[in-house]
Protein backbone atom coordinates (compact mmCIF):
# COMPACT_ATOMS: atom_id res chain seq x y z
CA MET A 1 11.49 -28.55 27.85
CA GLN A 2 8.65 -30.53 29.17
CA TYR A 3 7.23 -27.28 30.63
CA ILE A 4 7.29 -25.39 27.53
CA LYS A 5 5.44 -28.10 25.65
CA LYS A 6 2.85 -27.91 28.39
CA LEU A 7 2.45 -24.20 27.50
CA PHE A 8 1.21 -24.91 24.21
CA GLU A 9 -1.01 -28.05 24.64
CA ARG A 10 -4.53 -27.79 24.04
CA GLU A 11 -6.87 -27.24 26.82
CA SER A 12 -10.69 -27.54 26.73
CA GLU A 13 -12.28 -24.17 26.46
CA ASN A 14 -13.84 -22.84 29.80
CA GLY A 15 -15.79 -19.85 28.87
CA MET A 16 -15.32 -16.33 29.82
CA LEU A 17 -12.51 -16.02 32.76
CA SER A 18 -13.34 -14.57 36.21
CA VAL A 19 -10.79 -11.79 35.90
CA GLU A 20 -12.41 -10.73 32.49
CA VAL A 21 -15.79 -10.79 34.33
CA ILE A 22 -14.70 -8.72 37.26
CA THR A 23 -12.91 -6.37 34.96
CA LEU A 24 -16.15 -5.79 32.92
CA ILE A 25 -18.01 -5.10 36.17
CA TYR A 26 -15.37 -2.52 37.32
CA VAL A 27 -15.47 -1.11 33.68
CA ALA A 28 -19.20 -0.76 33.68
CA ILE A 29 -19.54 0.81 37.10
CA THR A 30 -16.77 3.38 36.56
CA THR A 31 -18.08 4.32 33.20
CA VAL A 32 -21.33 5.39 34.82
CA MET A 33 -19.30 7.29 37.45
CA THR A 34 -17.26 8.86 34.71
CA ILE A 35 -20.57 10.09 33.02
CA ILE A 36 -21.89 11.31 36.34
CA TRP A 37 -18.92 13.44 37.10
CA TRP A 38 -17.83 14.35 33.57
CA ASP A 39 -17.62 17.96 34.15
CA GLY A 40 -15.27 17.26 37.32
CA ILE A 41 -13.02 14.77 35.73
CA ASN A 42 -9.77 15.45 33.34
CA ASN A 43 -9.94 14.04 30.06
CA PRO A 44 -13.11 11.80 30.56
CA ARG A 45 -13.41 11.15 26.77
CA ASP A 46 -9.75 9.39 27.32
CA MET A 47 -11.30 7.47 30.14
CA ILE A 48 -13.96 6.37 28.17
CA ALA A 49 -11.85 5.55 25.16
CA TRP A 50 -9.68 3.35 27.66
CA ARG A 51 -12.76 1.47 28.64
CA ILE A 52 -13.93 0.84 25.05
CA GLY A 53 -10.13 -0.49 24.49
CA VAL A 54 -10.44 -2.91 27.47
CA VAL A 55 -13.48 -4.34 26.34
CA ALA A 56 -12.35 -4.78 22.93
CA TYR A 57 -9.25 -6.55 23.97
CA ILE A 58 -11.42 -9.02 26.21
CA VAL A 59 -13.61 -9.86 23.20
CA LEU A 60 -10.65 -10.17 20.89
CA ALA A 61 -8.50 -12.32 23.20
CA ASN A 62 -11.53 -14.59 23.71
CA TYR A 63 -11.84 -14.93 20.00
CA ILE A 64 -8.24 -15.90 19.42
CA TYR A 65 -8.28 -18.34 22.26
CA HIS A 66 -11.14 -20.19 20.82
CA PHE A 67 -8.87 -21.50 17.95
CA ARG A 68 -6.16 -22.57 20.07
CA PRO A 69 -6.65 -22.80 23.79
CA SER A 70 -3.55 -23.36 25.79
CA ARG A 71 -1.83 -22.04 28.99
CA ALA A 72 0.16 -19.80 26.75
CA MET A 73 -3.08 -18.17 25.26
CA MET A 74 -4.42 -18.36 28.74
CA LEU A 75 -1.57 -15.93 29.97
CA MET A 76 -2.22 -13.59 27.14
CA ARG A 77 -5.91 -13.22 28.33
CA MET A 78 -4.94 -12.48 31.84
CA VAL A 79 -1.73 -10.65 32.21
CA PRO A 80 -2.74 -7.52 30.17
CA LEU A 81 -5.87 -7.21 32.51
CA LEU A 82 -3.53 -7.46 35.54
CA LEU A 83 -1.43 -4.85 34.11
CA CYS A 84 -4.41 -2.54 33.42
CA LEU A 85 -4.21 -1.96 37.45
CA ILE A 86 -1.41 0.52 36.43
CA ASN A 87 -3.89 2.61 34.76
CA TRP A 88 -6.89 2.06 37.15
CA TYR A 89 -4.98 3.39 40.21
CA PRO A 90 -4.43 6.86 39.13
CA GLU A 91 -7.94 7.07 37.94
CA THR A 92 -9.14 6.62 41.64
CA TYR A 93 -7.69 10.38 42.08
CA GLU A 94 -10.21 11.51 39.36
CA PHE A 95 -13.26 10.14 41.22
CA CYS A 96 -12.34 10.68 44.76
CA LYS A 97 -11.59 14.32 44.24
CA GLN A 98 -15.41 14.92 43.81
CA PHE A 99 -15.53 14.68 47.54
CA ASP A 100 -14.01 16.25 50.69
CA TYR A 101 -10.77 14.80 51.77
CA GLN A 102 -10.61 13.30 55.10
CA ASP A 103 -7.04 13.48 56.15
CA HIS A 104 -7.71 15.74 59.40
CA VAL A 105 -9.71 12.57 60.72
CA PHE A 106 -6.83 10.08 60.31
CA ALA A 107 -4.10 12.46 61.51
CA LYS A 108 -6.10 13.12 64.66
CA ILE A 109 -6.58 9.49 65.35
CA ASP A 110 -2.85 8.92 65.06
CA TRP A 111 -2.20 11.89 67.33
CA SER A 112 -4.87 10.40 69.96
CA ILE A 113 -2.94 6.91 69.75
CA PHE A 114 0.57 7.78 69.75
CA GLY A 115 0.63 11.63 70.79
CA CYS A 116 2.62 12.35 67.76
CA GLN A 117 2.43 11.80 63.88
CA PRO A 118 4.35 8.49 63.35
CA SER A 119 4.37 9.16 59.40
CA ILE A 120 6.70 12.20 60.33
CA GLU A 121 8.49 11.09 63.48
CA PHE A 122 9.26 7.53 62.33
CA SER A 123 11.76 8.80 59.44
CA ARG A 124 13.13 11.37 61.69
CA ASN A 125 14.23 9.06 64.34
CA MET A 126 15.48 6.46 62.00
CA SER A 127 17.02 8.47 59.36
CA SER A 128 20.21 6.50 58.80
CA VAL A 129 21.06 5.16 55.18
CA PHE A 130 20.83 1.62 56.56
CA TRP A 131 17.12 2.15 57.84
CA SER A 132 16.20 4.35 54.92
CA GLU A 133 17.32 1.69 52.38
CA ALA A 134 15.74 -1.25 54.29
CA PHE A 135 12.34 0.35 54.41
CA ASN A 136 12.41 1.58 50.92
CA LEU A 137 13.37 -1.61 49.92
CA GLY A 138 10.31 -3.01 51.65
CA TYR A 139 8.03 -0.42 50.15
CA TYR A 140 9.47 -1.04 46.48
CA SER A 141 9.34 -4.85 46.89
CA TYR A 142 5.48 -4.67 46.93
CA PHE A 143 5.24 -5.04 43.12
CA TYR A 144 7.77 -7.94 43.03
CA MET A 145 6.12 -9.91 45.83
CA MET A 146 2.84 -9.77 43.76
CA ILE A 147 4.44 -10.91 40.46
CA ALA A 148 6.53 -13.44 42.27
CA VAL A 149 3.30 -15.17 43.89
CA LEU A 150 1.27 -15.07 40.80
CA LEU A 151 4.00 -16.33 38.59
CA PHE A 152 4.37 -19.34 41.20
CA TYR A 153 1.11 -20.12 40.80
CA PHE A 154 1.14 -20.25 36.98
CA VAL A 155 4.24 -22.24 36.92
CA ALA A 156 3.71 -24.59 39.91
CA ARG A 157 0.02 -24.45 40.64
CA TYR A 158 -1.69 -23.92 37.42
CA SER A 159 -4.79 -25.58 38.49
CA ASP A 160 -5.14 -22.99 41.08
CA PHE A 161 -3.89 -20.05 38.82
CA GLN A 162 -7.38 -18.52 37.89
CA ARG A 163 -8.58 -18.73 41.86
CA ALA A 164 -5.42 -16.87 42.81
CA SER A 165 -5.77 -14.37 40.02
CA PHE A 166 -9.67 -13.78 40.63
CA ILE A 167 -8.63 -13.13 44.28
CA PHE A 168 -5.96 -10.73 43.48
CA LEU A 169 -7.80 -8.67 41.07
CA ALA A 170 -11.26 -8.55 42.63
CA SER A 171 -9.37 -7.34 45.95
CA PHE A 172 -7.75 -4.70 44.20
CA PHE A 173 -10.93 -3.53 42.76
CA LEU A 174 -12.66 -3.34 46.12
CA PHE A 175 -9.76 -1.27 47.53
CA TYR A 176 -10.22 1.08 44.62
CA PHE A 177 -13.85 1.43 45.14
CA ILE A 178 -13.01 2.53 48.79
CA PHE A 179 -10.53 5.03 47.57
CA GLU A 180 -12.98 6.37 44.94
CA PHE A 181 -15.68 7.23 47.52
CA PHE A 182 -13.53 7.82 50.62
CA PRO A 183 -10.58 10.25 49.80
CA VAL A 184 -7.61 10.45 51.94
CA ALA A 185 -4.48 11.83 50.30
CA GLY A 186 -1.92 10.67 53.08
CA PRO A 187 0.68 12.24 55.05
CA GLN A 188 3.06 13.05 52.29
CA TYR A 189 0.32 15.37 50.75
CA TYR A 190 -1.44 16.48 54.08
CA TYR A 191 1.69 17.89 55.60
CA CYS A 192 3.09 19.17 52.54
CA ALA A 193 -0.07 21.33 52.46
CA LEU A 194 0.20 22.23 56.00
CA GLY A 195 3.88 22.21 56.64
CA GLU A 196 5.98 19.55 58.11
CA GLU A 197 6.34 21.40 61.49
CA ALA A 198 2.42 21.24 61.78
CA ALA A 199 2.95 17.58 62.80
CA LYS A 200 3.92 18.91 66.32
CA ASN A 201 0.58 20.79 66.70
CA PRO A 202 -2.35 18.81 67.37
CA VAL A 203 -4.69 21.02 65.15
CA PHE A 204 -5.69 19.19 62.06
CA PRO A 205 -7.58 21.43 59.67
CA GLU A 206 -9.82 20.05 57.02
CA MET A 207 -8.73 20.27 53.52
CA HIS A 208 -12.21 19.89 51.74
CA HIS A 209 -11.29 19.98 47.87
CA TYR A 210 -7.81 21.30 48.17
CA PHE A 211 -6.22 18.37 46.70
CA ARG A 212 -8.20 18.67 43.50
CA ASP A 213 -5.65 21.49 42.43
CA HIS A 214 -2.62 20.88 44.55
CA THR A 215 -0.65 17.54 44.20
CA GLU A 216 2.50 18.70 45.66
CA ILE A 217 4.40 16.16 47.88
CA LEU A 218 6.82 15.87 50.79
CA PRO A 219 10.34 15.12 49.28
CA ILE A 220 11.85 11.95 49.89
CA ASP A 221 15.40 12.04 51.31
CA VAL A 222 17.23 10.00 48.67
CA ARG A 223 19.92 8.07 50.45
CA GLY A 224 20.56 5.19 47.96
CA ILE A 225 19.25 3.08 45.17
CA PHE A 226 15.96 1.94 46.77
CA SER A 227 14.78 5.40 48.03
CA LYS A 228 15.61 6.43 44.51
CA LEU A 229 13.45 3.87 43.00
CA VAL A 230 10.58 4.66 45.38
CA LEU A 231 10.97 8.32 44.40
CA MET A 232 10.85 7.53 40.66
CA ALA A 233 7.55 5.38 41.14
CA GLN A 234 6.06 8.36 43.21
CA GLU A 235 6.87 10.74 40.62
CA THR A 236 5.38 8.64 37.85
CA GLY A 237 2.28 7.35 39.19
CA GLU A 238 1.63 8.86 42.76
CA ARG A 239 -1.84 10.84 43.27
CA PRO A 240 -3.49 12.36 46.46
CA THR A 241 -5.62 9.20 46.73
CA ALA A 242 -5.69 5.79 48.18
CA ALA A 243 -4.30 6.41 51.59
CA PHE A 244 -7.15 4.81 53.53
CA PRO A 245 -7.04 1.73 54.13
CA SER A 246 -3.37 0.79 53.02
CA SER A 247 -3.69 -1.23 49.86
CA HIS A 248 0.03 -1.92 50.15
CA VAL A 249 -0.51 -3.67 53.30
CA GLY A 250 -3.66 -5.26 52.43
CA MET A 251 -2.73 -6.63 49.01
CA SER A 252 0.82 -7.94 50.34
CA THR A 253 -1.19 -9.59 53.07
CA ILE A 254 -3.42 -11.37 50.50
CA CYS A 255 -0.23 -12.31 48.69
CA MET A 256 1.24 -13.93 51.97
CA ILE A 257 -1.90 -15.96 52.36
CA LEU A 258 -1.84 -17.09 48.67
CA ALA A 259 1.88 -17.83 49.20
CA TRP A 260 1.07 -19.87 52.21
CA GLN A 261 -1.73 -21.79 50.54
CA THR A 262 0.85 -23.06 47.90
CA ARG A 263 2.28 -25.15 50.59
CA ASN A 264 5.68 -24.15 49.22
CA ARG A 265 7.33 -22.86 52.54
CA LEU A 266 10.33 -21.45 50.72
CA LEU A 267 8.30 -18.95 48.74
CA PHE A 268 6.35 -18.05 52.09
CA TRP A 269 9.47 -17.54 54.29
CA ILE A 270 11.39 -15.54 51.35
CA CYS A 271 8.41 -13.25 51.26
CA ILE A 272 7.97 -12.88 54.99
CA PRO A 273 10.78 -10.19 55.39
CA PHE A 274 9.69 -8.21 52.78
CA TRP A 275 6.11 -8.11 53.97
CA ILE A 276 7.31 -7.15 57.48
CA LEU A 277 9.39 -4.15 56.05
CA LEU A 278 6.59 -3.16 53.70
CA PHE A 279 4.30 -2.92 56.56
CA PHE A 280 6.39 -0.29 58.47
CA ALA A 281 7.80 1.04 55.23
CA THR A 282 4.27 2.71 54.41
CA VAL A 283 4.46 4.81 57.30
CA TYR A 284 8.23 5.54 56.96
CA VAL A 285 8.04 6.95 53.51
CA LYS A 286 4.98 9.06 54.76
CA ALA A 287 2.47 7.41 52.20
CA HIS A 288 0.11 6.30 55.08
CA TYR A 289 -0.78 7.30 58.52
CA ALA A 290 -0.26 4.52 61.09
CA ILE A 291 -4.14 3.82 61.21
CA ASP A 292 -4.03 3.10 57.58
CA THR A 293 -1.57 0.34 57.81
CA VAL A 294 -3.23 -1.37 60.78
CA THR A 295 -6.63 -1.26 58.93
CA GLY A 296 -5.14 -2.37 55.72
CA LEU A 297 -3.89 -5.68 57.58
CA PHE A 298 -7.35 -6.52 58.65
CA VAL A 299 -9.15 -5.46 55.50
CA GLY A 300 -6.72 -7.67 53.50
CA PHE A 301 -7.66 -10.51 55.36
CA ALA A 302 -11.42 -9.65 54.92
CA PHE A 303 -10.94 -9.25 51.08
CA PHE A 304 -9.14 -12.39 50.66
CA PHE A 305 -11.97 -14.32 52.40
CA LEU A 306 -14.67 -12.56 50.64
CA THR A 307 -13.25 -13.05 47.24
CA GLN A 308 -12.43 -16.54 47.93
CA TRP A 309 -15.93 -17.18 48.87
CA LEU A 310 -17.09 -15.39 45.67
CA TYR A 311 -14.88 -17.35 43.44
CA PRO A 312 -16.81 -20.70 43.28
CA TYR A 313 -19.84 -18.84 42.30
CA ALA A 314 -18.02 -17.04 39.54
CA LYS A 315 -16.36 -20.33 38.46
CA ASN A 316 -19.79 -22.03 38.13
CA ALA A 317 -21.62 -19.15 36.65
CA PHE A 318 -18.92 -18.72 33.87
CA ARG A 319 -17.88 -22.38 33.40
CA LEU A 320 -14.33 -21.73 34.85
CA LYS A 321 -11.79 -24.30 35.38
CA ASN A 322 -10.64 -25.14 39.01
């Protein structure tokens, strides 16, 4: 009851939020990109309209918050912007397909290191229902890990909630910019195009703009509930984009660092097994080359420290609270 009361207690106003600012910056840059590549993008008018809607929401939410600033109203301002990631992700495909795909480079790197394609051989050699469900659980837990960490900050570390949200959203946008200018479709698309047996042959042809018009994907062997959930997620929002570096690994690593910083060891240790499973699952489900996952780990650390370093400047510039 006491917590419910705190939700609606009046807060001092604190200007524009860092997540609003970083969203507006992303909107501005990608609007310019949409205009530049107008003829090569599907439904560019819808993309522009979406951006106008996001800006309008930020303005409206700030206006409403002005009359009754509270934690509940703060949540109203922030959650929709975080949920916008669901729409921002498939848009990376519209931008990256303007360039030549680089899958041949990463398939060659994996072969030179392992002498095979781990993304193909991993699932072949660990094909039992137990391992299939374990790794698909890890892959699917990605969404819930992020929700759990941010929710914990809001409920138990509210004074640090804005910092955590800024690090979270700004890191995602940094990943998206990489995806938009450096297209890698991933093994599930590359080996669907070449044929899965081609993974046994160390010849990796360039695909150039092939994935502009081909979005076929290697089928998932549905062995249980979690593999079915992953399949549903792929059918809903997956595109030939965002393979390098692995944002699944990078963002889950950022979540782990944020979980550690809460000083709540229970939260951290609950997340650890899902994080480990997710790391290997990205290769197991053929979403990433092995080099993508390793790079994603290091990029996750780099983005965390970069965005954490940027946050105080944003906080001071836009009068944010701690």
